[in-house]
N, C-alpha and C. Protein backbone atom coordinates (compact mmCIF):
# COMPACT_ATOMS: atom_id res chain seq x y z
N MET A 1 55.09 0.58 -13.23
CA MET A 1 54.15 -0.51 -13.39
C MET A 1 54.36 -1.14 -14.77
N GLY A 2 54.51 -2.46 -14.82
CA GLY A 2 54.76 -3.17 -16.06
C GLY A 2 53.51 -3.33 -16.90
N SER A 3 53.70 -3.79 -18.11
CA SER A 3 52.57 -3.99 -19.01
C SER A 3 51.87 -5.32 -18.68
N VAL A 4 50.62 -5.43 -19.07
CA VAL A 4 49.83 -6.64 -18.85
C VAL A 4 50.40 -7.75 -19.73
N LYS A 5 50.66 -8.89 -19.12
CA LYS A 5 51.21 -10.02 -19.85
C LYS A 5 50.25 -11.18 -19.93
N ALA A 6 49.30 -11.22 -18.99
CA ALA A 6 48.37 -12.34 -18.95
C ALA A 6 46.99 -11.85 -18.49
N VAL A 7 45.97 -12.59 -18.93
CA VAL A 7 44.60 -12.31 -18.52
C VAL A 7 44.01 -13.62 -18.05
N THR A 8 43.40 -13.59 -16.87
CA THR A 8 42.77 -14.80 -16.33
C THR A 8 41.25 -14.62 -16.34
N PHE A 9 40.58 -15.74 -16.45
CA PHE A 9 39.12 -15.78 -16.50
C PHE A 9 38.61 -16.82 -15.52
N ASP A 10 37.46 -16.55 -14.94
CA ASP A 10 36.69 -17.60 -14.28
C ASP A 10 35.97 -18.33 -15.40
N LEU A 11 35.63 -19.58 -15.19
CA LEU A 11 34.96 -20.35 -16.23
C LEU A 11 33.45 -20.10 -16.24
N TRP A 12 32.84 -20.32 -15.07
CA TRP A 12 31.37 -20.33 -15.00
C TRP A 12 30.79 -18.93 -15.05
N ASP A 13 29.89 -18.74 -15.99
CA ASP A 13 29.18 -17.49 -16.25
C ASP A 13 30.10 -16.35 -16.69
N THR A 14 31.33 -16.70 -17.08
CA THR A 14 32.23 -15.77 -17.73
C THR A 14 32.57 -16.29 -19.12
N ILE A 15 32.88 -17.59 -19.20
CA ILE A 15 33.16 -18.25 -20.48
C ILE A 15 32.03 -19.20 -20.84
N ILE A 16 31.59 -19.97 -19.86
CA ILE A 16 30.52 -20.95 -20.06
C ILE A 16 29.30 -20.53 -19.24
N HIS A 17 28.15 -20.54 -19.89
CA HIS A 17 26.89 -20.17 -19.22
C HIS A 17 26.42 -21.34 -18.37
N ASP A 18 26.62 -21.23 -17.07
CA ASP A 18 26.26 -22.28 -16.13
C ASP A 18 24.77 -22.58 -16.24
N ASP A 19 24.44 -23.83 -16.24
CA ASP A 19 23.06 -24.34 -16.29
C ASP A 19 22.36 -24.13 -17.62
N SER A 20 23.07 -23.67 -18.66
CA SER A 20 22.45 -23.61 -19.98
C SER A 20 22.21 -25.00 -20.54
N ASP A 21 22.77 -26.01 -19.88
CA ASP A 21 22.54 -27.39 -20.28
C ASP A 21 21.21 -27.93 -19.76
N GLU A 22 20.62 -27.29 -18.76
CA GLU A 22 19.37 -27.80 -18.19
C GLU A 22 18.22 -27.85 -19.21
N PRO A 23 18.00 -26.82 -20.01
CA PRO A 23 16.93 -26.94 -21.03
C PRO A 23 17.21 -28.07 -22.03
N LYS A 24 18.48 -28.29 -22.38
CA LYS A 24 18.84 -29.38 -23.28
C LYS A 24 18.49 -30.73 -22.64
N ARG A 25 18.81 -30.86 -21.36
CA ARG A 25 18.51 -32.10 -20.65
C ARG A 25 17.00 -32.36 -20.65
N LYS A 26 16.23 -31.30 -20.44
CA LYS A 26 14.77 -31.43 -20.40
C LYS A 26 14.24 -31.90 -21.75
N VAL A 27 14.71 -31.29 -22.83
CA VAL A 27 14.29 -31.67 -24.17
C VAL A 27 14.65 -33.13 -24.46
N MET A 28 15.77 -33.58 -23.92
CA MET A 28 16.22 -34.96 -24.13
C MET A 28 15.50 -35.95 -23.22
N GLY A 29 14.62 -35.46 -22.35
CA GLY A 29 13.90 -36.33 -21.42
C GLY A 29 14.74 -36.76 -20.23
N LEU A 30 15.81 -36.02 -19.95
CA LEU A 30 16.69 -36.36 -18.83
C LEU A 30 16.28 -35.58 -17.58
N ARG A 31 16.63 -36.14 -16.44
CA ARG A 31 16.42 -35.42 -15.18
C ARG A 31 17.33 -34.20 -15.14
N SER A 32 17.01 -33.23 -14.29
CA SER A 32 17.93 -32.13 -14.04
C SER A 32 19.21 -32.72 -13.46
N LYS A 33 20.29 -31.97 -13.52
CA LYS A 33 21.55 -32.47 -12.95
C LYS A 33 21.38 -32.78 -11.46
N LYS A 34 20.71 -31.89 -10.74
CA LYS A 34 20.50 -32.10 -9.31
C LYS A 34 19.74 -33.39 -9.05
N ALA A 35 18.66 -33.60 -9.77
CA ALA A 35 17.86 -34.82 -9.59
C ALA A 35 18.63 -36.06 -10.03
N GLU A 36 19.36 -35.96 -11.12
CA GLU A 36 20.13 -37.10 -11.62
C GLU A 36 21.21 -37.52 -10.63
N ARG A 37 21.88 -36.55 -10.04
CA ARG A 37 22.93 -36.88 -9.07
C ARG A 37 22.35 -37.65 -7.89
N ARG A 38 21.23 -37.20 -7.39
CA ARG A 38 20.58 -37.87 -6.27
C ARG A 38 20.10 -39.26 -6.68
N TRP A 39 19.56 -39.37 -7.88
CA TRP A 39 19.07 -40.66 -8.36
C TRP A 39 20.21 -41.65 -8.52
N LEU A 40 21.35 -41.21 -9.03
CA LEU A 40 22.50 -42.11 -9.20
C LEU A 40 22.91 -42.74 -7.88
N VAL A 41 22.96 -41.93 -6.82
CA VAL A 41 23.35 -42.45 -5.50
C VAL A 41 22.26 -43.38 -4.98
N TRP A 42 21.00 -42.95 -5.09
CA TRP A 42 19.90 -43.79 -4.61
C TRP A 42 19.90 -45.14 -5.33
N ASP A 43 20.03 -45.12 -6.66
CA ASP A 43 20.00 -46.36 -7.44
C ASP A 43 21.11 -47.32 -7.01
N ALA A 44 22.30 -46.80 -6.84
CA ALA A 44 23.43 -47.66 -6.44
C ALA A 44 23.19 -48.25 -5.05
N LEU A 45 22.76 -47.42 -4.12
CA LEU A 45 22.51 -47.91 -2.76
C LEU A 45 21.32 -48.87 -2.72
N ASN A 46 20.28 -48.53 -3.41
CA ASN A 46 19.06 -49.33 -3.39
C ASN A 46 19.26 -50.72 -3.99
N ARG A 47 20.14 -50.82 -4.98
CA ARG A 47 20.44 -52.14 -5.56
C ARG A 47 21.18 -53.02 -4.56
N GLN A 48 21.92 -52.41 -3.64
CA GLN A 48 22.67 -53.16 -2.62
C GLN A 48 21.77 -53.58 -1.47
N ASN A 49 21.01 -52.62 -0.99
CA ASN A 49 20.13 -52.82 0.16
C ASN A 49 19.09 -51.71 0.10
N PRO A 50 17.81 -52.04 0.06
CA PRO A 50 16.78 -51.02 -0.15
C PRO A 50 16.91 -49.82 0.80
N ILE A 51 16.65 -48.65 0.20
CA ILE A 51 16.69 -47.38 0.92
C ILE A 51 15.71 -46.45 0.20
N SER A 52 15.09 -45.58 0.92
CA SER A 52 14.12 -44.68 0.29
C SER A 52 14.83 -43.56 -0.44
N GLU A 53 14.21 -43.10 -1.51
CA GLU A 53 14.77 -41.96 -2.24
C GLU A 53 14.81 -40.72 -1.36
N SER A 54 13.82 -40.58 -0.47
CA SER A 54 13.79 -39.40 0.39
C SER A 54 14.96 -39.39 1.37
N GLN A 55 15.39 -40.55 1.84
CA GLN A 55 16.57 -40.61 2.71
C GLN A 55 17.82 -40.16 1.98
N VAL A 56 17.97 -40.64 0.76
CA VAL A 56 19.15 -40.28 -0.04
C VAL A 56 19.11 -38.79 -0.39
N THR A 57 17.94 -38.30 -0.76
CA THR A 57 17.81 -36.87 -1.09
C THR A 57 18.17 -36.01 0.12
N LEU A 58 17.68 -36.37 1.30
CA LEU A 58 18.00 -35.61 2.50
C LEU A 58 19.51 -35.65 2.78
N ALA A 59 20.10 -36.83 2.69
CA ALA A 59 21.54 -36.96 2.94
C ALA A 59 22.34 -36.16 1.91
N TYR A 60 21.91 -36.19 0.66
CA TYR A 60 22.60 -35.43 -0.39
C TYR A 60 22.49 -33.93 -0.10
N ASP A 61 21.30 -33.50 0.30
CA ASP A 61 21.10 -32.08 0.62
C ASP A 61 21.97 -31.65 1.81
N VAL A 62 22.12 -32.50 2.80
CA VAL A 62 22.97 -32.19 3.96
C VAL A 62 24.43 -32.13 3.53
N ALA A 63 24.87 -33.09 2.71
CA ALA A 63 26.25 -33.08 2.22
C ALA A 63 26.50 -31.83 1.37
N ASP A 64 25.53 -31.44 0.56
CA ASP A 64 25.66 -30.21 -0.23
C ASP A 64 25.75 -28.98 0.66
N ALA A 65 24.95 -28.96 1.73
CA ALA A 65 24.99 -27.82 2.66
C ALA A 65 26.36 -27.73 3.32
N ALA A 66 26.92 -28.87 3.71
CA ALA A 66 28.26 -28.87 4.32
C ALA A 66 29.30 -28.39 3.30
N PHE A 67 29.20 -28.90 2.08
CA PHE A 67 30.11 -28.46 1.02
C PHE A 67 30.01 -26.94 0.82
N ASN A 68 28.79 -26.44 0.70
CA ASN A 68 28.59 -25.01 0.45
C ASN A 68 29.14 -24.16 1.59
N LYS A 69 29.02 -24.61 2.82
CA LYS A 69 29.55 -23.87 3.97
C LYS A 69 31.07 -23.76 3.86
N VAL A 70 31.72 -24.87 3.59
CA VAL A 70 33.18 -24.89 3.47
C VAL A 70 33.62 -24.09 2.24
N TRP A 71 32.88 -24.24 1.14
CA TRP A 71 33.22 -23.55 -0.10
C TRP A 71 33.11 -22.04 0.07
N HIS A 72 32.00 -21.57 0.64
CA HIS A 72 31.79 -20.13 0.80
C HIS A 72 32.67 -19.52 1.90
N ASP A 73 32.76 -20.20 3.03
CA ASP A 73 33.45 -19.61 4.18
C ASP A 73 34.95 -19.83 4.19
N GLN A 74 35.39 -21.00 3.70
CA GLN A 74 36.82 -21.33 3.76
C GLN A 74 37.47 -21.37 2.38
N HIS A 75 36.68 -21.21 1.34
CA HIS A 75 37.18 -21.20 -0.03
C HIS A 75 37.89 -22.50 -0.39
N ILE A 76 37.31 -23.60 0.07
CA ILE A 76 37.83 -24.94 -0.22
C ILE A 76 36.77 -25.68 -1.02
N THR A 77 37.19 -26.30 -2.11
CA THR A 77 36.28 -27.05 -2.96
C THR A 77 36.56 -28.54 -2.81
N TRP A 78 35.66 -29.23 -2.11
CA TRP A 78 35.81 -30.68 -1.96
C TRP A 78 35.55 -31.34 -3.30
N PRO A 79 36.41 -32.25 -3.74
CA PRO A 79 36.11 -33.04 -4.94
C PRO A 79 34.83 -33.86 -4.71
N ILE A 80 34.15 -34.17 -5.79
CA ILE A 80 32.87 -34.88 -5.67
C ILE A 80 33.04 -36.22 -4.96
N ALA A 81 34.16 -36.89 -5.12
CA ALA A 81 34.37 -38.16 -4.41
C ALA A 81 34.32 -37.96 -2.90
N ASP A 82 34.92 -36.87 -2.41
CA ASP A 82 34.88 -36.57 -0.98
C ASP A 82 33.46 -36.24 -0.54
N ARG A 83 32.74 -35.50 -1.36
CA ARG A 83 31.35 -35.14 -1.02
C ARG A 83 30.48 -36.38 -0.94
N LEU A 84 30.68 -37.31 -1.88
CA LEU A 84 29.89 -38.54 -1.85
C LEU A 84 30.28 -39.41 -0.66
N SER A 85 31.53 -39.40 -0.28
CA SER A 85 31.96 -40.14 0.91
C SER A 85 31.29 -39.60 2.17
N VAL A 86 31.18 -38.27 2.27
CA VAL A 86 30.49 -37.64 3.40
C VAL A 86 29.02 -38.07 3.40
N LEU A 87 28.40 -38.05 2.24
CA LEU A 87 26.99 -38.46 2.11
C LEU A 87 26.81 -39.90 2.57
N LEU A 88 27.66 -40.80 2.08
CA LEU A 88 27.54 -42.22 2.44
C LEU A 88 27.77 -42.42 3.94
N LYS A 89 28.75 -41.72 4.49
CA LYS A 89 29.02 -41.84 5.92
C LYS A 89 27.81 -41.38 6.72
N GLY A 90 27.17 -40.30 6.28
CA GLY A 90 25.97 -39.81 6.95
C GLY A 90 24.83 -40.81 6.93
N LEU A 91 24.76 -41.60 5.87
CA LEU A 91 23.73 -42.64 5.77
C LEU A 91 24.16 -43.93 6.46
N GLY A 92 25.42 -44.01 6.89
CA GLY A 92 25.92 -45.25 7.47
C GLY A 92 26.02 -46.36 6.44
N ARG A 93 26.29 -45.98 5.19
CA ARG A 93 26.34 -46.96 4.10
C ARG A 93 27.68 -46.87 3.38
N THR A 94 27.99 -47.91 2.67
CA THR A 94 29.18 -47.95 1.82
C THR A 94 28.77 -48.50 0.46
N LEU A 95 29.63 -48.31 -0.50
CA LEU A 95 29.47 -48.91 -1.82
C LEU A 95 30.78 -49.58 -2.19
N PRO A 96 30.71 -50.67 -2.95
CA PRO A 96 31.96 -51.26 -3.44
C PRO A 96 32.74 -50.21 -4.24
N GLU A 97 34.05 -50.23 -4.14
CA GLU A 97 34.89 -49.21 -4.77
C GLU A 97 34.58 -49.02 -6.26
N PRO A 98 34.42 -50.11 -7.04
CA PRO A 98 34.11 -49.89 -8.47
C PRO A 98 32.78 -49.15 -8.67
N GLU A 99 31.81 -49.41 -7.83
CA GLU A 99 30.51 -48.73 -7.95
C GLU A 99 30.63 -47.26 -7.56
N LEU A 100 31.37 -46.98 -6.51
CA LEU A 100 31.59 -45.59 -6.10
C LEU A 100 32.35 -44.83 -7.19
N GLU A 101 33.37 -45.47 -7.76
CA GLU A 101 34.13 -44.83 -8.85
C GLU A 101 33.23 -44.55 -10.05
N ARG A 102 32.31 -45.46 -10.35
CA ARG A 102 31.37 -45.27 -11.47
C ARG A 102 30.48 -44.06 -11.21
N ILE A 103 29.95 -43.95 -10.00
CA ILE A 103 29.07 -42.82 -9.67
C ILE A 103 29.85 -41.51 -9.68
N VAL A 104 31.06 -41.52 -9.16
CA VAL A 104 31.90 -40.32 -9.19
C VAL A 104 32.11 -39.88 -10.63
N ARG A 105 32.48 -40.82 -11.50
CA ARG A 105 32.73 -40.50 -12.91
C ARG A 105 31.47 -39.95 -13.58
N LEU A 106 30.31 -40.54 -13.30
CA LEU A 106 29.07 -40.04 -13.90
C LEU A 106 28.74 -38.63 -13.42
N HIS A 107 29.01 -38.35 -12.15
CA HIS A 107 28.84 -36.99 -11.63
C HIS A 107 29.78 -36.02 -12.37
N GLU A 108 31.05 -36.40 -12.43
CA GLU A 108 32.07 -35.54 -13.01
C GLU A 108 31.79 -35.23 -14.48
N GLU A 109 31.31 -36.23 -15.22
CA GLU A 109 31.17 -36.10 -16.67
C GLU A 109 29.79 -35.65 -17.12
N MET A 110 28.89 -35.40 -16.18
CA MET A 110 27.52 -35.02 -16.53
C MET A 110 27.48 -33.79 -17.44
N GLU A 111 28.34 -32.81 -17.18
CA GLU A 111 28.34 -31.59 -17.98
C GLU A 111 29.17 -31.74 -19.25
N VAL A 112 29.86 -32.85 -19.40
CA VAL A 112 30.53 -33.15 -20.66
C VAL A 112 29.54 -33.83 -21.57
N THR A 113 28.74 -34.73 -21.01
CA THR A 113 27.75 -35.49 -21.77
C THR A 113 26.73 -34.56 -22.42
N VAL A 114 26.21 -33.61 -21.66
CA VAL A 114 25.32 -32.57 -22.17
C VAL A 114 25.97 -31.26 -21.77
N ALA A 115 26.73 -30.70 -22.69
CA ALA A 115 27.57 -29.54 -22.36
C ALA A 115 26.77 -28.24 -22.30
N PRO A 116 27.08 -27.41 -21.31
CA PRO A 116 26.50 -26.06 -21.29
C PRO A 116 27.10 -25.21 -22.41
N ASP A 117 26.43 -24.14 -22.74
CA ASP A 117 26.82 -23.29 -23.86
C ASP A 117 27.84 -22.23 -23.43
N PRO A 118 28.65 -21.79 -24.39
CA PRO A 118 29.53 -20.66 -24.09
C PRO A 118 28.71 -19.36 -24.01
N ILE A 119 29.26 -18.39 -23.31
CA ILE A 119 28.66 -17.06 -23.24
C ILE A 119 28.70 -16.48 -24.66
N PRO A 120 27.62 -15.88 -25.14
CA PRO A 120 27.65 -15.30 -26.49
C PRO A 120 28.81 -14.32 -26.65
N GLY A 121 29.55 -14.47 -27.75
CA GLY A 121 30.65 -13.58 -28.08
C GLY A 121 31.98 -13.92 -27.44
N ILE A 122 32.01 -14.92 -26.56
CA ILE A 122 33.25 -15.22 -25.85
C ILE A 122 34.32 -15.76 -26.80
N GLY A 123 33.94 -16.53 -27.80
CA GLY A 123 34.92 -17.06 -28.76
C GLY A 123 35.65 -15.95 -29.47
N GLU A 124 34.90 -14.94 -29.90
CA GLU A 124 35.49 -13.80 -30.59
C GLU A 124 36.38 -13.00 -29.64
N ALA A 125 35.93 -12.81 -28.41
CA ALA A 125 36.72 -12.06 -27.43
C ALA A 125 38.04 -12.78 -27.12
N LEU A 126 37.97 -14.09 -26.93
CA LEU A 126 39.18 -14.85 -26.64
C LEU A 126 40.14 -14.82 -27.83
N ALA A 127 39.58 -14.94 -29.05
CA ALA A 127 40.43 -14.91 -30.25
C ALA A 127 41.14 -13.56 -30.37
N ALA A 128 40.46 -12.48 -30.01
CA ALA A 128 41.06 -11.15 -30.09
C ALA A 128 42.17 -10.98 -29.05
N LEU A 129 42.04 -11.62 -27.90
CA LEU A 129 43.04 -11.49 -26.84
C LEU A 129 44.21 -12.46 -27.01
N HIS A 130 43.92 -13.65 -27.57
CA HIS A 130 44.94 -14.67 -27.74
C HIS A 130 46.04 -14.16 -28.67
N GLY A 131 47.26 -14.36 -28.26
CA GLY A 131 48.40 -13.88 -29.04
C GLY A 131 48.91 -12.53 -28.52
N ARG A 132 48.01 -11.72 -28.01
CA ARG A 132 48.42 -10.45 -27.40
C ARG A 132 48.78 -10.67 -25.93
N TYR A 133 48.07 -11.60 -25.29
CA TYR A 133 48.27 -11.90 -23.86
C TYR A 133 48.24 -13.41 -23.68
N ARG A 134 48.87 -13.85 -22.61
CA ARG A 134 48.72 -15.25 -22.21
C ARG A 134 47.36 -15.34 -21.52
N LEU A 135 46.56 -16.30 -21.90
CA LEU A 135 45.22 -16.46 -21.34
C LEU A 135 45.18 -17.71 -20.47
N ALA A 136 44.53 -17.58 -19.34
CA ALA A 136 44.42 -18.70 -18.40
C ALA A 136 43.05 -18.67 -17.73
N ILE A 137 42.67 -19.82 -17.23
CA ILE A 137 41.43 -19.94 -16.46
C ILE A 137 41.81 -20.24 -15.02
N VAL A 138 41.23 -19.48 -14.12
CA VAL A 138 41.37 -19.72 -12.68
C VAL A 138 39.95 -19.89 -12.18
N SER A 139 39.57 -21.13 -11.93
CA SER A 139 38.18 -21.41 -11.60
C SER A 139 38.10 -22.60 -10.66
N ASP A 140 37.05 -22.65 -9.88
CA ASP A 140 36.83 -23.85 -9.09
C ASP A 140 36.07 -24.86 -9.94
N ALA A 141 36.02 -26.05 -9.45
CA ALA A 141 35.33 -27.13 -10.15
C ALA A 141 34.36 -27.75 -9.15
N ILE A 142 33.16 -27.26 -9.14
CA ILE A 142 32.19 -27.67 -8.14
C ILE A 142 31.90 -29.17 -8.23
N VAL A 143 31.71 -29.69 -9.43
CA VAL A 143 31.49 -31.13 -9.61
C VAL A 143 32.46 -31.69 -10.64
N SER A 144 32.58 -31.03 -11.77
CA SER A 144 33.42 -31.52 -12.86
C SER A 144 34.86 -31.05 -12.68
N PRO A 145 35.81 -31.98 -12.64
CA PRO A 145 37.22 -31.59 -12.47
C PRO A 145 37.79 -30.99 -13.75
N GLY A 146 39.01 -30.49 -13.66
CA GLY A 146 39.67 -29.82 -14.76
C GLY A 146 39.66 -30.59 -16.07
N ARG A 147 39.87 -31.91 -16.02
CA ARG A 147 39.90 -32.69 -17.27
C ARG A 147 38.56 -32.60 -17.99
N CYS A 148 37.47 -32.52 -17.23
CA CYS A 148 36.14 -32.41 -17.84
C CYS A 148 35.88 -30.99 -18.33
N LEU A 149 36.34 -30.01 -17.57
CA LEU A 149 36.15 -28.63 -17.98
C LEU A 149 36.90 -28.36 -19.29
N ARG A 150 38.09 -28.97 -19.42
CA ARG A 150 38.85 -28.83 -20.67
C ARG A 150 38.04 -29.42 -21.82
N ARG A 151 37.41 -30.56 -21.60
CA ARG A 151 36.61 -31.19 -22.67
C ARG A 151 35.43 -30.31 -23.07
N ILE A 152 34.82 -29.62 -22.10
CA ILE A 152 33.73 -28.70 -22.43
C ILE A 152 34.26 -27.57 -23.31
N LEU A 153 35.39 -27.00 -22.92
CA LEU A 153 36.00 -25.93 -23.72
C LEU A 153 36.37 -26.43 -25.12
N GLU A 154 36.92 -27.63 -25.19
CA GLU A 154 37.30 -28.21 -26.49
C GLU A 154 36.07 -28.42 -27.36
N SER A 155 34.96 -28.84 -26.75
CA SER A 155 33.74 -29.10 -27.54
C SER A 155 33.22 -27.83 -28.20
N HIS A 156 33.56 -26.68 -27.65
CA HIS A 156 33.13 -25.40 -28.21
C HIS A 156 34.26 -24.68 -28.95
N GLY A 157 35.41 -25.36 -29.12
CA GLY A 157 36.53 -24.76 -29.84
C GLY A 157 37.20 -23.63 -29.07
N LEU A 158 37.08 -23.60 -27.74
CA LEU A 158 37.62 -22.51 -26.94
C LEU A 158 38.95 -22.84 -26.27
N ALA A 159 39.25 -24.11 -26.08
CA ALA A 159 40.47 -24.50 -25.35
C ALA A 159 41.73 -23.99 -26.04
N ARG A 160 41.70 -23.88 -27.34
CA ARG A 160 42.89 -23.47 -28.12
C ARG A 160 43.37 -22.06 -27.79
N HIS A 161 42.52 -21.26 -27.18
CA HIS A 161 42.88 -19.89 -26.86
C HIS A 161 43.71 -19.77 -25.57
N PHE A 162 43.76 -20.84 -24.80
CA PHE A 162 44.42 -20.77 -23.49
C PHE A 162 45.82 -21.35 -23.55
N ASP A 163 46.72 -20.70 -22.83
CA ASP A 163 48.13 -21.08 -22.81
C ASP A 163 48.41 -22.05 -21.67
N GLY A 164 49.32 -22.97 -21.92
CA GLY A 164 49.79 -23.87 -20.86
C GLY A 164 48.74 -24.84 -20.40
N ARG A 165 49.01 -25.40 -19.24
CA ARG A 165 48.08 -26.36 -18.63
C ARG A 165 46.80 -25.68 -18.21
N PHE A 166 45.74 -26.44 -18.24
CA PHE A 166 44.45 -25.95 -17.77
C PHE A 166 44.35 -26.34 -16.30
N ASN A 167 44.31 -25.37 -15.41
CA ASN A 167 44.27 -25.64 -13.98
C ASN A 167 43.00 -25.08 -13.37
N VAL A 168 42.50 -25.80 -12.39
CA VAL A 168 41.36 -25.32 -11.61
C VAL A 168 41.75 -25.37 -10.14
N ILE A 169 40.97 -24.73 -9.32
CA ILE A 169 41.30 -24.64 -7.90
C ILE A 169 41.18 -26.00 -7.22
N SER A 170 40.25 -26.83 -7.63
CA SER A 170 40.10 -28.12 -6.96
C SER A 170 40.88 -29.20 -7.69
N PRO A 171 41.15 -30.34 -7.02
CA PRO A 171 41.90 -31.41 -7.65
C PRO A 171 41.15 -32.01 -8.83
N GLY A 172 41.87 -32.70 -9.69
CA GLY A 172 41.23 -33.40 -10.80
C GLY A 172 41.75 -32.99 -12.10
């Protein structure tokens, strides 16, 4: 048996404390991420043609349930653009491409704008391992794609510990 040459980490709740950004959002007077995502879709649709927030919330919840089923059972992570397309199709609605791209980007970057915190002590642990082993992240990207996850790591000074490209299981 050969020696260990690399160590991989999941991102969420191993390096970054998932949802540690929610108290920050509350202090800033922002909606929760869940509420903000639903509001973004409702606002875009409602400006085009009135629709109730409850309709959009229900459609978003159904799209999330479909995503979660595929994610848990088939280990496939739909990019947020695909999830929003499913939601819009369920509502029988469309958005102009630039508006859809804007909403996708706002979804993707929500955790960059108000970044969650690193797990206490992770910086020191990564620094101790870096140089002894190649370090990599193998993680899915439920909403934020790899480019955004890298920015979160960079904002906490953690990206420098990882070797090579930053890859996640989902596209982006």
